[in-house]
Amino acid sequence: TKNTVDLRMDSLKPEDTAIYYCAAIIIGGRQCNRWLEYTSW
């Protein structure tokens, strides 16, 4: 309803340090772990 996606991160570790990006597969009917199909960033 708000068009938002959150990522809650607990128990963070130094190795989690990075730039974090959200990305979208904008075509319906696609499972989300098809990592190479993300085109919008």
Full PDB file with SEQRES, HELIX, SHEET, SSBOND, CRYST1, ORIGX, SCALE, CONECT and MASTER records, all heavy atoms in Angstrom:
SEQRES   1 A   41  THR LYS ASN THR VAL ASP LEU ARG MET ASP SER LEU LYS          
SEQRES   2 A   41  PRO GLU ASP THR ALA ILE TYR TYR CYS ALA ALA ILE ILE          
SEQRES   3 A   41  ILE GLY GLY ARG GLN CYS ASN ARG TRP LEU GLU TYR THR          
SEQRES   4 A   41  SER TRP                                                      
HELIX    1 AA1 PRO A   14  ASP A   16  5                                   3    
HELIX    2 AA2 TRP A   35  GLU A   37  5                                   3    
CRYST1    1.000    1.000    1.000  90.00  90.00  90.00 P 1           1          
ORIGX1      1.000000  0.000000  0.000000        0.00000                         
ORIGX2      0.000000  1.000000  0.000000        0.00000                         
ORIGX3      0.000000  0.000000  1.000000        0.00000                         
SCALE1      1.000000  0.000000  0.000000        0.00000                         
SCALE2      0.000000  1.000000  0.000000        0.00000                         
SCALE3      0.000000  0.000000  1.000000        0.00000                         
ATOM      1  N   THR A   1       0.813  -1.207   0.000  1.00  0.00           N  
ATOM      2  CA  THR A   1       0.000   0.000   0.000  1.00  0.00           C  
ATOM      3  C   THR A   1       0.849   1.260   0.000  1.00  0.00           C  
ATOM      4  O   THR A   1       0.413   2.301  -0.494  1.00  0.00           O  
ATOM      5  CB  THR A   1      -0.954   0.023   1.197  1.00  0.00           C  
ATOM      6  OG1 THR A   1      -0.221   0.092   2.422  1.00  0.00           O  
ATOM      7  CG2 THR A   1      -1.825  -1.222   1.207  1.00  0.00           C  
ATOM      8  N   LYS A   2       2.051   1.168   0.546  1.00  0.00           N  
ATOM      9  CA  LYS A   2       2.960   2.306   0.594  1.00  0.00           C  
ATOM     10  C   LYS A   2       4.059   2.231  -0.458  1.00  0.00           C  
ATOM     11  O   LYS A   2       4.859   3.166  -0.574  1.00  0.00           O  
ATOM     12  CB  LYS A   2       3.590   2.423   1.977  1.00  0.00           C  
ATOM     13  CG  LYS A   2       2.600   2.675   3.095  1.00  0.00           C  
ATOM     14  CD  LYS A   2       3.305   2.790   4.440  1.00  0.00           C  
ATOM     15  CE  LYS A   2       2.326   3.059   5.554  1.00  0.00           C  
ATOM     16  NZ  LYS A   2       3.011   3.151   6.876  1.00  0.00           N  
ATOM     17  N   ASN A   3       4.127   1.121  -1.178  1.00  0.00           N  
ATOM     18  CA  ASN A   3       5.178   0.902  -2.171  1.00  0.00           C  
ATOM     19  C   ASN A   3       6.563   1.004  -1.545  1.00  0.00           C  
ATOM     20  O   ASN A   3       7.467   1.661  -2.074  1.00  0.00           O  
ATOM     21  CB  ASN A   3       5.049   1.880  -3.335  1.00  0.00           C  
ATOM     22  CG  ASN A   3       3.867   1.583  -4.228  1.00  0.00           C  
ATOM     23  OD1 ASN A   3       3.124   0.626  -4.020  1.00  0.00           O  
ATOM     24  ND2 ASN A   3       3.675   2.416  -5.251  1.00  0.00           N  
ATOM     25  N   THR A   4       6.721   0.346  -0.414  1.00  0.00           N  
ATOM     26  CA  THR A   4       8.006   0.327   0.258  1.00  0.00           C  
ATOM     27  C   THR A   4       8.407  -1.100   0.614  1.00  0.00           C  
ATOM     28  O   THR A   4       7.558  -1.956   0.863  1.00  0.00           O  
ATOM     29  CB  THR A   4       8.002   1.168   1.548  1.00  0.00           C  
ATOM     30  OG1 THR A   4       7.000   0.683   2.441  1.00  0.00           O  
ATOM     31  CG2 THR A   4       7.745   2.631   1.235  1.00  0.00           C  
ATOM     32  N   VAL A   5       9.701  -1.331   0.646  1.00  0.00           N  
ATOM     33  CA  VAL A   5      10.278  -2.588   1.108  1.00  0.00           C  
ATOM     34  C   VAL A   5      11.353  -2.253   2.126  1.00  0.00           C  
ATOM     35  O   VAL A   5      12.221  -1.419   1.860  1.00  0.00           O  
ATOM     36  CB  VAL A   5      10.859  -3.414  -0.049  1.00  0.00           C  
ATOM     37  CG1 VAL A   5      11.624  -4.622   0.492  1.00  0.00           C  
ATOM     38  CG2 VAL A   5       9.755  -3.875  -0.989  1.00  0.00           C  
ATOM     39  N   ASP A   6      11.286  -2.900   3.271  1.00  0.00           N  
ATOM     40  CA  ASP A   6      12.251  -2.669   4.331  1.00  0.00           C  
ATOM     41  C   ASP A   6      13.162  -3.869   4.497  1.00  0.00           C  
ATOM     42  O   ASP A   6      12.781  -5.010   4.225  1.00  0.00           O  
ATOM     43  CB  ASP A   6      11.551  -2.405   5.661  1.00  0.00           C  
ATOM     44  CG  ASP A   6      10.873  -1.050   5.725  1.00  0.00           C  
ATOM     45  OD1 ASP A   6      11.002  -0.270   4.767  1.00  0.00           O  
ATOM     46  OD2 ASP A   6      10.217  -0.772   6.749  1.00  0.00           O  
ATOM     47  N   LEU A   7      14.365  -3.602   4.942  1.00  0.00           N  
ATOM     48  CA  LEU A   7      15.305  -4.649   5.327  1.00  0.00           C  
ATOM     49  C   LEU A   7      15.743  -4.363   6.754  1.00  0.00           C  
ATOM     50  O   LEU A   7      16.491  -3.414   6.997  1.00  0.00           O  
ATOM     51  CB  LEU A   7      16.512  -4.691   4.388  1.00  0.00           C  
ATOM     52  CG  LEU A   7      17.528  -5.796   4.678  1.00  0.00           C  
ATOM     53  CD1 LEU A   7      16.928  -7.167   4.372  1.00  0.00           C  
ATOM     54  CD2 LEU A   7      18.812  -5.579   3.880  1.00  0.00           C  
ATOM     55  N   ARG A   8      15.243  -5.161   7.679  1.00  0.00           N  
ATOM     56  CA  ARG A   8      15.637  -5.030   9.074  1.00  0.00           C  
ATOM     57  C   ARG A   8      16.877  -5.873   9.316  1.00  0.00           C  
ATOM     58  O   ARG A   8      16.893  -7.063   9.008  1.00  0.00           O  
ATOM     59  CB  ARG A   8      14.500  -5.468  10.005  1.00  0.00           C  
ATOM     60  CG  ARG A   8      14.791  -5.215  11.471  1.00  0.00           C  
ATOM     61  CD  ARG A   8      13.621  -5.600  12.353  1.00  0.00           C  
ATOM     62  NE  ARG A   8      13.446  -7.040  12.421  1.00  0.00           N  
ATOM     63  CZ  ARG A   8      12.441  -7.699  11.876  1.00  0.00           C  
ATOM     64  NH1 ARG A   8      11.498  -7.042  11.211  1.00  0.00           N  
ATOM     65  NH2 ARG A   8      12.356  -9.011  11.991  1.00  0.00           N  
ATOM     66  N   MET A   9      17.898  -5.262   9.850  1.00  0.00           N  
ATOM     67  CA  MET A   9      19.176  -5.913  10.056  1.00  0.00           C  
ATOM     68  C   MET A   9      19.510  -5.881  11.540  1.00  0.00           C  
ATOM     69  O   MET A   9      19.665  -4.805  12.123  1.00  0.00           O  
ATOM     70  CB  MET A   9      20.274  -5.221   9.242  1.00  0.00           C  
ATOM     71  CG  MET A   9      19.964  -5.129   7.750  1.00  0.00           C  
ATOM     72  SD  MET A   9      21.315  -4.392   6.792  1.00  0.00           S  
ATOM     73  CE  MET A   9      21.300  -2.727   7.446  1.00  0.00           C  
ATOM     74  N   ASP A  10      19.606  -7.056  12.123  1.00  0.00           N  
ATOM     75  CA  ASP A  10      19.949  -7.204  13.532  1.00  0.00           C  
ATOM     76  C   ASP A  10      21.283  -7.931  13.656  1.00  0.00           C  
ATOM     77  O   ASP A  10      21.742  -8.592  12.728  1.00  0.00           O  
ATOM     78  CB  ASP A  10      18.870  -7.982  14.282  1.00  0.00           C  
ATOM     79  CG  ASP A  10      17.532  -7.284  14.320  1.00  0.00           C  
ATOM     80  OD1 ASP A  10      17.508  -6.042  14.400  1.00  0.00           O  
ATOM     81  OD2 ASP A  10      16.502  -7.986  14.280  1.00  0.00           O  
ATOM     82  N   SER A  11      21.873  -7.836  14.831  1.00  0.00           N  
ATOM     83  CA  SER A  11      23.136  -8.523  15.124  1.00  0.00           C  
ATOM     84  C   SER A  11      24.169  -8.268  14.039  1.00  0.00           C  
ATOM     85  O   SER A  11      24.825  -9.187  13.532  1.00  0.00           O  
ATOM     86  CB  SER A  11      22.891 -10.029  15.292  1.00  0.00           C  
ATOM     87  OG  SER A  11      21.975 -10.283  16.339  1.00  0.00           O  
ATOM     88  N   LEU A  12      24.325  -7.016  13.686  1.00  0.00           N  
ATOM     89  CA  LEU A  12      25.216  -6.662  12.589  1.00  0.00           C  
ATOM     90  C   LEU A  12      26.670  -6.975  12.918  1.00  0.00           C  
ATOM     91  O   LEU A  12      27.103  -6.868  14.074  1.00  0.00           O  
ATOM     92  CB  LEU A  12      25.059  -5.188  12.252  1.00  0.00           C  
ATOM     93  CG  LEU A  12      23.800  -4.856  11.441  1.00  0.00           C  
ATOM     94  CD1 LEU A  12      23.493  -3.370  11.496  1.00  0.00           C  
ATOM     95  CD2 LEU A  12      23.980  -5.307   9.990  1.00  0.00           C  
ATOM     96  N   LYS A  13      27.383  -7.366  11.881  1.00  0.00           N  
ATOM     97  CA  LYS A  13      28.784  -7.733  11.980  1.00  0.00           C  
ATOM     98  C   LYS A  13      29.613  -6.812  11.096  1.00  0.00           C  
ATOM     99  O   LYS A  13      29.103  -6.276  10.110  1.00  0.00           O  
ATOM    100  CB  LYS A  13      28.990  -9.185  11.534  1.00  0.00           C  
ATOM    101  CG  LYS A  13      28.153 -10.201  12.283  1.00  0.00           C  
ATOM    102  CD  LYS A  13      28.321 -11.593  11.686  1.00  0.00           C  
ATOM    103  CE  LYS A  13      27.483 -12.615  12.413  1.00  0.00           C  
ATOM    104  NZ  LYS A  13      27.631 -13.967  11.816  1.00  0.00           N  
ATOM    105  N   PRO A  14      30.893  -6.634  11.413  1.00  0.00           N  
ATOM    106  CA  PRO A  14      31.732  -5.794  10.549  1.00  0.00           C  
ATOM    107  C   PRO A  14      31.724  -6.235   9.094  1.00  0.00           C  
ATOM    108  O   PRO A  14      31.805  -5.381   8.200  1.00  0.00           O  
ATOM    109  CB  PRO A  14      33.125  -5.937  11.173  1.00  0.00           C  
ATOM    110  CG  PRO A  14      32.848  -6.179  12.619  1.00  0.00           C  
ATOM    111  CD  PRO A  14      31.606  -7.041  12.633  1.00  0.00           C  
ATOM    112  N   GLU A  15      31.608  -7.518   8.836  1.00  0.00           N  
ATOM    113  CA  GLU A  15      31.586  -7.989   7.462  1.00  0.00           C  
ATOM    114  C   GLU A  15      30.310  -7.636   6.714  1.00  0.00           C  
ATOM    115  O   GLU A  15      30.213  -7.862   5.504  1.00  0.00           O  
ATOM    116  CB  GLU A  15      31.828  -9.507   7.393  1.00  0.00           C  
ATOM    117  CG  GLU A  15      30.911 -10.319   8.288  1.00  0.00           C  
ATOM    118  CD  GLU A  15      31.548 -10.677   9.614  1.00  0.00           C  
ATOM    119  OE1 GLU A  15      32.186  -9.801  10.232  1.00  0.00           O  
ATOM    120  OE2 GLU A  15      31.412 -11.847  10.043  1.00  0.00           O  
ATOM    121  N   ASP A  16      29.321  -7.081   7.407  1.00  0.00           N  
ATOM    122  CA  ASP A  16      28.130  -6.568   6.746  1.00  0.00           C  
ATOM    123  C   ASP A  16      28.353  -5.181   6.160  1.00  0.00           C  
ATOM    124  O   ASP A  16      27.472  -4.667   5.461  1.00  0.00           O  
ATOM    125  CB  ASP A  16      26.949  -6.512   7.722  1.00  0.00           C  
ATOM    126  CG  ASP A  16      26.511  -7.884   8.206  1.00  0.00           C  
ATOM    127  OD1 ASP A  16      26.461  -8.821   7.383  1.00  0.00           O  
ATOM    128  OD2 ASP A  16      26.198  -8.014   9.402  1.00  0.00           O  
ATOM    129  N   THR A  17      29.480  -4.570   6.447  1.00  0.00           N  
ATOM    130  CA  THR A  17      29.770  -3.232   5.937  1.00  0.00           C  
ATOM    131  C   THR A  17      29.798  -3.234   4.417  1.00  0.00           C  
ATOM    132  O   THR A  17      30.525  -4.012   3.794  1.00  0.00           O  
ATOM    133  CB  THR A  17      31.108  -2.736   6.492  1.00  0.00           C  
ATOM    134  OG1 THR A  17      31.013  -2.580   7.909  1.00  0.00           O  
ATOM    135  CG2 THR A  17      31.486  -1.396   5.871  1.00  0.00           C  
ATOM    136  N   ALA A  18      29.012  -2.368   3.818  1.00  0.00           N  
ATOM    137  CA  ALA A  18      28.907  -2.303   2.363  1.00  0.00           C  
ATOM    138  C   ALA A  18      27.959  -1.174   1.993  1.00  0.00           C  
ATOM    139  O   ALA A  18      27.272  -0.608   2.848  1.00  0.00           O  
ATOM    140  CB  ALA A  18      28.389  -3.625   1.786  1.00  0.00           C  
ATOM    141  N   ILE A  19      27.918  -0.863   0.713  1.00  0.00           N  
ATOM    142  CA  ILE A  19      26.837  -0.056   0.185  1.00  0.00           C  
ATOM    143  C   ILE A  19      25.695  -0.997  -0.153  1.00  0.00           C  
ATOM    144  O   ILE A  19      25.888  -1.988  -0.861  1.00  0.00           O  
ATOM    145  CB  ILE A  19      27.266   0.728  -1.068  1.00  0.00           C  
ATOM    146  CG1 ILE A  19      28.428   1.663  -0.737  1.00  0.00           C  
ATOM    147  CG2 ILE A  19      26.096   1.532  -1.612  1.00  0.00           C  
ATOM    148  CD1 ILE A  19      28.991   2.377  -1.948  1.00  0.00           C  
ATOM    149  N   TYR A  20      24.530  -0.689   0.358  1.00  0.00           N  
ATOM    150  CA  TYR A  20      23.353  -1.513   0.137  1.00  0.00           C  
ATOM    151  C   TYR A  20      22.448  -0.858  -0.893  1.00  0.00           C  
ATOM    152  O   TYR A  20      22.156   0.341  -0.806  1.00  0.00           O  
ATOM    153  CB  TYR A  20      22.587  -1.727   1.445  1.00  0.00           C  
ATOM    154  CG  TYR A  20      23.235  -2.739   2.348  1.00  0.00           C  
ATOM    155  CD1 TYR A  20      24.429  -2.446   3.001  1.00  0.00           C  
ATOM    156  CD2 TYR A  20      22.671  -3.995   2.539  1.00  0.00           C  
ATOM    157  CE1 TYR A  20      25.040  -3.381   3.814  1.00  0.00           C  
ATOM    158  CE2 TYR A  20      23.270  -4.932   3.362  1.00  0.00           C  
ATOM    159  CZ  TYR A  20      24.459  -4.620   3.995  1.00  0.00           C  
ATOM    160  OH  TYR A  20      25.054  -5.552   4.808  1.00  0.00           O  
ATOM    161  N   TYR A  21      22.016  -1.642  -1.853  1.00  0.00           N  
ATOM    162  CA  TYR A  21      21.161  -1.177  -2.930  1.00  0.00           C  
ATOM    163  C   TYR A  21      19.853  -1.951  -2.929  1.00  0.00           C  
ATOM    164  O   TYR A  21      19.836  -3.154  -2.678  1.00  0.00           O  
ATOM    165  CB  TYR A  21      21.819  -1.396  -4.298  1.00  0.00           C  
ATOM    166  CG  TYR A  21      23.149  -0.726  -4.498  1.00  0.00           C  
ATOM    167  CD1 TYR A  21      24.327  -1.343  -4.103  1.00  0.00           C  
ATOM    168  CD2 TYR A  21      23.224   0.524  -5.098  1.00  0.00           C  
ATOM    169  CE1 TYR A  21      25.550  -0.739  -4.297  1.00  0.00           C  
ATOM    170  CE2 TYR A  21      24.445   1.142  -5.303  1.00  0.00           C  
ATOM    171  CZ  TYR A  21      25.601   0.502  -4.902  1.00  0.00           C  
ATOM    172  OH  TYR A  21      26.814   1.114  -5.106  1.00  0.00           O  
ATOM    173  N   CYS A  22      18.782  -1.279  -3.223  1.00  0.00           N  
ATOM    174  CA  CYS A  22      17.578  -2.004  -3.579  1.00  0.00           C  
ATOM    175  C   CYS A  22      17.432  -2.001  -5.090  1.00  0.00           C  
ATOM    176  O   CYS A  22      17.904  -1.096  -5.782  1.00  0.00           O  
ATOM    177  CB  CYS A  22      16.321  -1.445  -2.894  1.00  0.00           C  
ATOM    178  SG  CYS A  22      15.818   0.220  -3.370  1.00  0.00           S  
ATOM    179  N   ALA A  23      16.816  -3.038  -5.595  1.00  0.00           N  
ATOM    180  CA  ALA A  23      16.656  -3.206  -7.027  1.00  0.00           C  
ATOM    181  C   ALA A  23      15.324  -3.879  -7.301  1.00  0.00           C  
ATOM    182  O   ALA A  23      14.730  -4.490  -6.413  1.00  0.00           O  
ATOM    183  CB  ALA A  23      17.810  -4.034  -7.604  1.00  0.00           C  
ATOM    184  N   ALA A  24      14.880  -3.771  -8.532  1.00  0.00           N  
ATOM    185  CA  ALA A  24      13.559  -4.273  -8.874  1.00  0.00           C  
ATOM    186  C   ALA A  24      13.575  -5.126 -10.134  1.00  0.00           C  
ATOM    187  O   ALA A  24      14.282  -4.832 -11.097  1.00  0.00           O  
ATOM    188  CB  ALA A  24      12.577  -3.123  -9.068  1.00  0.00           C  
ATOM    189  N   ILE A  25      12.822  -6.207 -10.075  1.00  0.00           N  
ATOM    190  CA  ILE A  25      12.334  -6.889 -11.262  1.00  0.00           C  
ATOM    191  C   ILE A  25      10.932  -6.361 -11.465  1.00  0.00           C  
ATOM    192  O   ILE A  25      10.062  -6.573 -10.621  1.00  0.00           O  
ATOM    193  CB  ILE A  25      12.319  -8.416 -11.093  1.00  0.00           C  
ATOM    194  CG1 ILE A  25      13.726  -8.946 -10.839  1.00  0.00           C  
ATOM    195  CG2 ILE A  25      11.705  -9.088 -12.315  1.00  0.00           C  
ATOM    196  CD1 ILE A  25      13.756 -10.422 -10.475  1.00  0.00           C  
ATOM    197  N   ILE A  26      10.703  -5.669 -12.558  1.00  0.00           N  
ATOM    198  CA  ILE A  26       9.435  -4.975 -12.738  1.00  0.00           C  
ATOM    199  C   ILE A  26       8.426  -5.778 -13.541  1.00  0.00           C  
ATOM    200  O   ILE A  26       7.283  -5.344 -13.703  1.00  0.00           O  
ATOM    201  CB  ILE A  26       9.638  -3.593 -13.379  1.00  0.00           C  
ATOM    202  CG1 ILE A  26      10.243  -3.731 -14.777  1.00  0.00           C  
ATOM    203  CG2 ILE A  26      10.526  -2.733 -12.496  1.00  0.00           C  
ATOM    204  CD1 ILE A  26      10.338  -2.408 -15.512  1.00  0.00           C  
ATOM    205  N   ILE A  27       8.809  -6.944 -14.021  1.00  0.00           N  
ATOM    206  CA  ILE A  27       7.903  -7.814 -14.751  1.00  0.00           C  
ATOM    207  C   ILE A  27       7.293  -8.806 -13.780  1.00  0.00           C  
ATOM    208  O   ILE A  27       7.997  -9.476 -13.025  1.00  0.00           O  
ATOM    209  CB  ILE A  27       8.623  -8.549 -15.887  1.00  0.00           C  
ATOM    210  CG1 ILE A  27       9.238  -7.552 -16.863  1.00  0.00           C  
ATOM    211  CG2 ILE A  27       7.668  -9.484 -16.614  1.00  0.00           C  
ATOM    212  CD1 ILE A  27      10.083  -8.196 -17.936  1.00  0.00           C  
ATOM    213  N   GLY A  28       5.987  -8.913 -13.805  1.00  0.00           N  
ATOM    214  CA  GLY A  28       5.306  -9.817 -12.906  1.00  0.00           C  
ATOM    215  C   GLY A  28       5.563 -11.272 -13.238  1.00  0.00           C  
ATOM    216  O   GLY A  28       5.958 -11.631 -14.348  1.00  0.00           O  
ATOM    217  N   GLY A  29       5.339 -12.128 -12.238  1.00  0.00           N  
ATOM    218  CA  GLY A  29       5.499 -13.551 -12.422  1.00  0.00           C  
ATOM    219  C   GLY A  29       6.919 -14.059 -12.304  1.00  0.00           C  
ATOM    220  O   GLY A  29       7.186 -15.200 -12.689  1.00  0.00           O  
ATOM    221  N   ARG A  30       7.825 -13.252 -11.789  1.00  0.00           N  
ATOM    222  CA  ARG A  30       9.216 -13.636 -11.631  1.00  0.00           C  
ATOM    223  C   ARG A  30       9.528 -13.895 -10.161  1.00  0.00           C  
ATOM    224  O   ARG A  30       9.220 -13.067  -9.310  1.00  0.00           O  
ATOM    225  CB  ARG A  30      10.157 -12.562 -12.161  1.00  0.00           C  
ATOM    226  CG  ARG A  30       9.975 -12.220 -13.636  1.00  0.00           C  
ATOM    227  CD  ARG A  30      10.359 -13.388 -14.520  1.00  0.00           C  
ATOM    228  NE  ARG A  30      10.537 -12.970 -15.905  1.00  0.00           N  
ATOM    229  CZ  ARG A  30       9.559 -12.899 -16.805  1.00  0.00           C  
ATOM    230  NH1 ARG A  30       8.318 -13.222 -16.470  1.00  0.00           N  
ATOM    231  NH2 ARG A  30       9.826 -12.508 -18.043  1.00  0.00           N  
ATOM    232  N   GLN A  31      10.147 -15.045  -9.877  1.00  0.00           N  
ATOM    233  CA  GLN A  31      10.603 -15.290  -8.517  1.00  0.00           C  
ATOM    234  C   GLN A  31      11.764 -14.365  -8.188  1.00  0.00           C  
ATOM    235  O   GLN A  31      12.553 -13.985  -9.055  1.00  0.00           O  
ATOM    236  CB  GLN A  31      11.000 -16.757  -8.331  1.00  0.00           C  
ATOM    237  CG  GLN A  31      12.089 -17.246  -9.256  1.00  0.00           C  
ATOM    238  CD  GLN A  31      12.341 -18.723  -9.089  1.00  0.00           C  
ATOM    239  OE1 GLN A  31      13.073 -19.130  -8.189  1.00  0.00           O  
ATOM    240  NE2 GLN A  31      11.720 -19.522  -9.935  1.00  0.00           N  
ATOM    241  N   CYS A  32      11.879 -14.005  -6.917  1.00  0.00           N  
ATOM    242  CA  CYS A  32      12.765 -12.903  -6.580  1.00  0.00           C  
ATOM    243  C   CYS A  32      14.234 -13.277  -6.530  1.00  0.00           C  
ATOM    244  O   CYS A  32      15.082 -12.385  -6.525  1.00  0.00           O  
ATOM    245  CB  CYS A  32      12.332 -12.257  -5.255  1.00  0.00           C  
ATOM    246  SG  CYS A  32      12.848 -13.126  -3.755  1.00  0.00           S  
ATOM    247  N   ASN A  33      14.575 -14.567  -6.499  1.00  0.00           N  
ATOM    248  CA  ASN A  33      15.976 -14.958  -6.421  1.00  0.00           C  
ATOM    249  C   ASN A  33      16.621 -15.176  -7.789  1.00  0.00           C  
ATOM    250  O   ASN A  33      17.694 -15.773  -7.876  1.00  0.00           O  
ATOM    251  CB  ASN A  33      16.153 -16.201  -5.550  1.00  0.00           C  
ATOM    252  CG  ASN A  33      15.467 -17.423  -6.115  1.00  0.00           C  
ATOM    253  OD1 ASN A  33      14.601 -17.316  -6.991  1.00  0.00           O  
ATOM    254  ND2 ASN A  33      15.834 -18.588  -5.610  1.00  0.00           N  
ATOM    255  N   ARG A  34      16.020 -14.652  -8.823  1.00  0.00           N  
ATOM    256  CA  ARG A  34      16.640 -14.649 -10.144  1.00  0.00           C  
ATOM    257  C   ARG A  34      17.488 -13.377 -10.227  1.00  0.00           C  
ATOM    258  O   ARG A  34      17.116 -12.372 -10.831  1.00  0.00           O  
ATOM    259  CB  ARG A  34      15.571 -14.717 -11.227  1.00  0.00           C  
ATOM    260  CG  ARG A  34      14.758 -16.014 -11.147  1.00  0.00           C  
ATOM    261  CD  ARG A  34      13.570 -16.037 -12.081  1.00  0.00           C  
ATOM    262  NE  ARG A  34      13.939 -16.027 -13.476  1.00  0.00           N  
ATOM    263  CZ  ARG A  34      13.093 -16.267 -14.476  1.00  0.00           C  
ATOM    264  NH1 ARG A  34      11.822 -16.546 -14.208  1.00  0.00           N  
ATOM    265  NH2 ARG A  34      13.519 -16.220 -15.721  1.00  0.00           N  
ATOM    266  N   TRP A  35      18.653 -13.445  -9.611  1.00  0.00           N  
ATOM    267  CA  TRP A  35      19.440 -12.250  -9.324  1.00  0.00           C  
ATOM    268  C   TRP A  35      19.884 -11.494 -10.563  1.00  0.00           C  
ATOM    269  O   TRP A  35      20.043 -10.262 -10.519  1.00  0.00           O  
ATOM    270  CB  TRP A  35      20.669 -12.622  -8.482  1.00  0.00           C  
ATOM    271  CG  TRP A  35      20.329 -13.345  -7.224  1.00  0.00           C  
ATOM    272  CD1 TRP A  35      20.537 -14.655  -6.943  1.00  0.00           C  
ATOM    273  CD2 TRP A  35      19.691 -12.788  -6.063  1.00  0.00           C  
ATOM    274  NE1 TRP A  35      20.088 -14.957  -5.672  1.00  0.00           N  
ATOM    275  CE2 TRP A  35      19.565 -13.838  -5.118  1.00  0.00           C  
ATOM    276  CE3 TRP A  35      19.230 -11.513  -5.727  1.00  0.00           C  
ATOM    277  CZ2 TRP A  35      18.985 -13.639  -3.862  1.00  0.00           C  
ATOM    278  CZ3 TRP A  35      18.654 -11.319  -4.481  1.00  0.00           C  
ATOM    279  CH2 TRP A  35      18.531 -12.377  -3.567  1.00  0.00           C  
ATOM    280  N   LEU A  36      20.096 -12.206 -11.646  1.00  0.00           N  
ATOM    281  CA  LEU A  36      20.575 -11.559 -12.859  1.00  0.00           C  
ATOM    282  C   LEU A  36      19.494 -10.786 -13.595  1.00  0.00           C  
ATOM    283  O   LEU A  36      19.806 -10.076 -14.548  1.00  0.00           O  
ATOM    284  CB  LEU A  36      21.204 -12.593 -13.795  1.00  0.00           C  
ATOM    285  CG  LEU A  36      22.421 -13.347 -13.261  1.00  0.00           C  
ATOM    286  CD1 LEU A  36      22.918 -14.346 -14.295  1.00  0.00           C  
ATOM    287  CD2 LEU A  36      23.524 -12.371 -12.879  1.00  0.00           C  
ATOM    288  N   GLU A  37      18.267 -10.899 -13.158  1.00  0.00           N  
ATOM    289  CA  GLU A  37      17.165 -10.244 -13.853  1.00  0.00           C  
ATOM    290  C   GLU A  37      16.793  -8.891 -13.261  1.00  0.00           C  
ATOM    291  O   GLU A  37      15.853  -8.260 -13.739  1.00  0.00           O  
ATOM    292  CB  GLU A  37      15.946 -11.165 -13.896  1.00  0.00           C  
ATOM    293  CG  GLU A  37      16.189 -12.441 -14.696  1.00  0.00           C  
ATOM    294  CD  GLU A  37      14.929 -13.246 -14.939  1.00  0.00           C  
ATOM    295  OE1 GLU A  37      13.821 -12.736 -14.676  1.00  0.00           O  
ATOM    296  OE2 GLU A  37      15.046 -14.394 -15.398  1.00  0.00           O  
ATOM    297  N   TYR A  38      17.505  -8.445 -12.257  1.00  0.00           N  
ATOM    298  CA  TYR A  38      17.253  -7.117 -11.704  1.00  0.00           C  
ATOM    299  C   TYR A  38      17.851  -6.067 -12.628  1.00  0.00           C  
ATOM    300  O   TYR A  38      19.048  -6.108 -12.943  1.00  0.00           O  
ATOM    301  CB  TYR A  38      17.840  -6.996 -10.300  1.00  0.00           C  
ATOM    302  CG  TYR A  38      17.039  -7.751  -9.273  1.00  0.00           C  
ATOM    303  CD1 TYR A  38      17.266  -9.097  -9.030  1.00  0.00           C  
ATOM    304  CD2 TYR A  38      16.045  -7.103  -8.546  1.00  0.00           C  
ATOM    305  CE1 TYR A  38      16.509  -9.788  -8.100  1.00  0.00           C  
ATOM    306  CE2 TYR A  38      15.294  -7.788  -7.609  1.00  0.00           C  
ATOM    307  CZ  TYR A  38      15.526  -9.127  -7.389  1.00  0.00           C  
ATOM    308  OH  TYR A  38      14.779  -9.808  -6.456  1.00  0.00           O  
ATOM    309  N   THR A  39      17.032  -5.136 -13.047  1.00  0.00           N  
ATOM    310  CA  THR A  39      17.457  -4.145 -14.026  1.00  0.00           C  
ATOM    311  C   THR A  39      17.299  -2.707 -13.555  1.00  0.00           C  
ATOM    312  O   THR A  39      17.875  -1.800 -14.160  1.00  0.00           O  
ATOM    313  CB  THR A  39      16.682  -4.311 -15.337  1.00  0.00           C  
ATOM    314  OG1 THR A  39      15.274  -4.212 -15.091  1.00  0.00           O  
ATOM    315  CG2 THR A  39      16.983  -5.667 -15.971  1.00  0.00           C  
ATOM    316  N   SER A  40      16.525  -2.459 -12.522  1.00  0.00           N  
ATOM    317  CA  SER A  40      16.311  -1.117 -11.998  1.00  0.00           C  
ATOM    318  C   SER A  40      16.921  -1.020 -10.614  1.00  0.00           C  
ATOM    319  O   SER A  40      16.671  -1.878  -9.764  1.00  0.00           O  
ATOM    320  CB  SER A  40      14.817  -0.782 -11.941  1.00  0.00           C  
ATOM    321  OG  SER A  40      14.229  -0.838 -13.233  1.00  0.00           O  
ATOM    322  N   TRP A  41      17.695   0.039 -10.399  1.00  0.00           N  
ATOM    323  CA  TRP A  41      18.510   0.144  -9.190  1.00  0.00           C  
ATOM    324  C   TRP A  41      18.380   1.500  -8.527  1.00  0.00           C  
ATOM    325  O   TRP A  41      18.226   2.529  -9.190  1.00  0.00           O  
ATOM    326  CB  TRP A  41      19.996  -0.081  -9.522  1.00  0.00           C  
ATOM    327  CG  TRP A  41      20.281  -1.439 -10.065  1.00  0.00           C  
ATOM    328  CD1 TRP A  41      20.148  -1.857 -11.355  1.00  0.00           C  
ATOM    329  CD2 TRP A  41      20.741  -2.565  -9.321  1.00  0.00           C  
ATOM    330  NE1 TRP A  41      20.496  -3.177 -11.460  1.00  0.00           N  
ATOM    331  CE2 TRP A  41      20.870  -3.640 -10.221  1.00  0.00           C  
ATOM    332  CE3 TRP A  41      21.062  -2.766  -7.986  1.00  0.00           C  
ATOM    333  CZ2 TRP A  41      21.300  -4.895  -9.830  1.00  0.00           C  
ATOM    334  CZ3 TRP A  41      21.489  -4.014  -7.587  1.00  0.00           C  
ATOM    335  CH2 TRP A  41      21.606  -5.061  -8.508  1.00  0.00           C  
TER     336      TRP A  41                                                      
MASTER        0    0    0    2    0    0    0    6  335    1    0    4          
END                                                                             
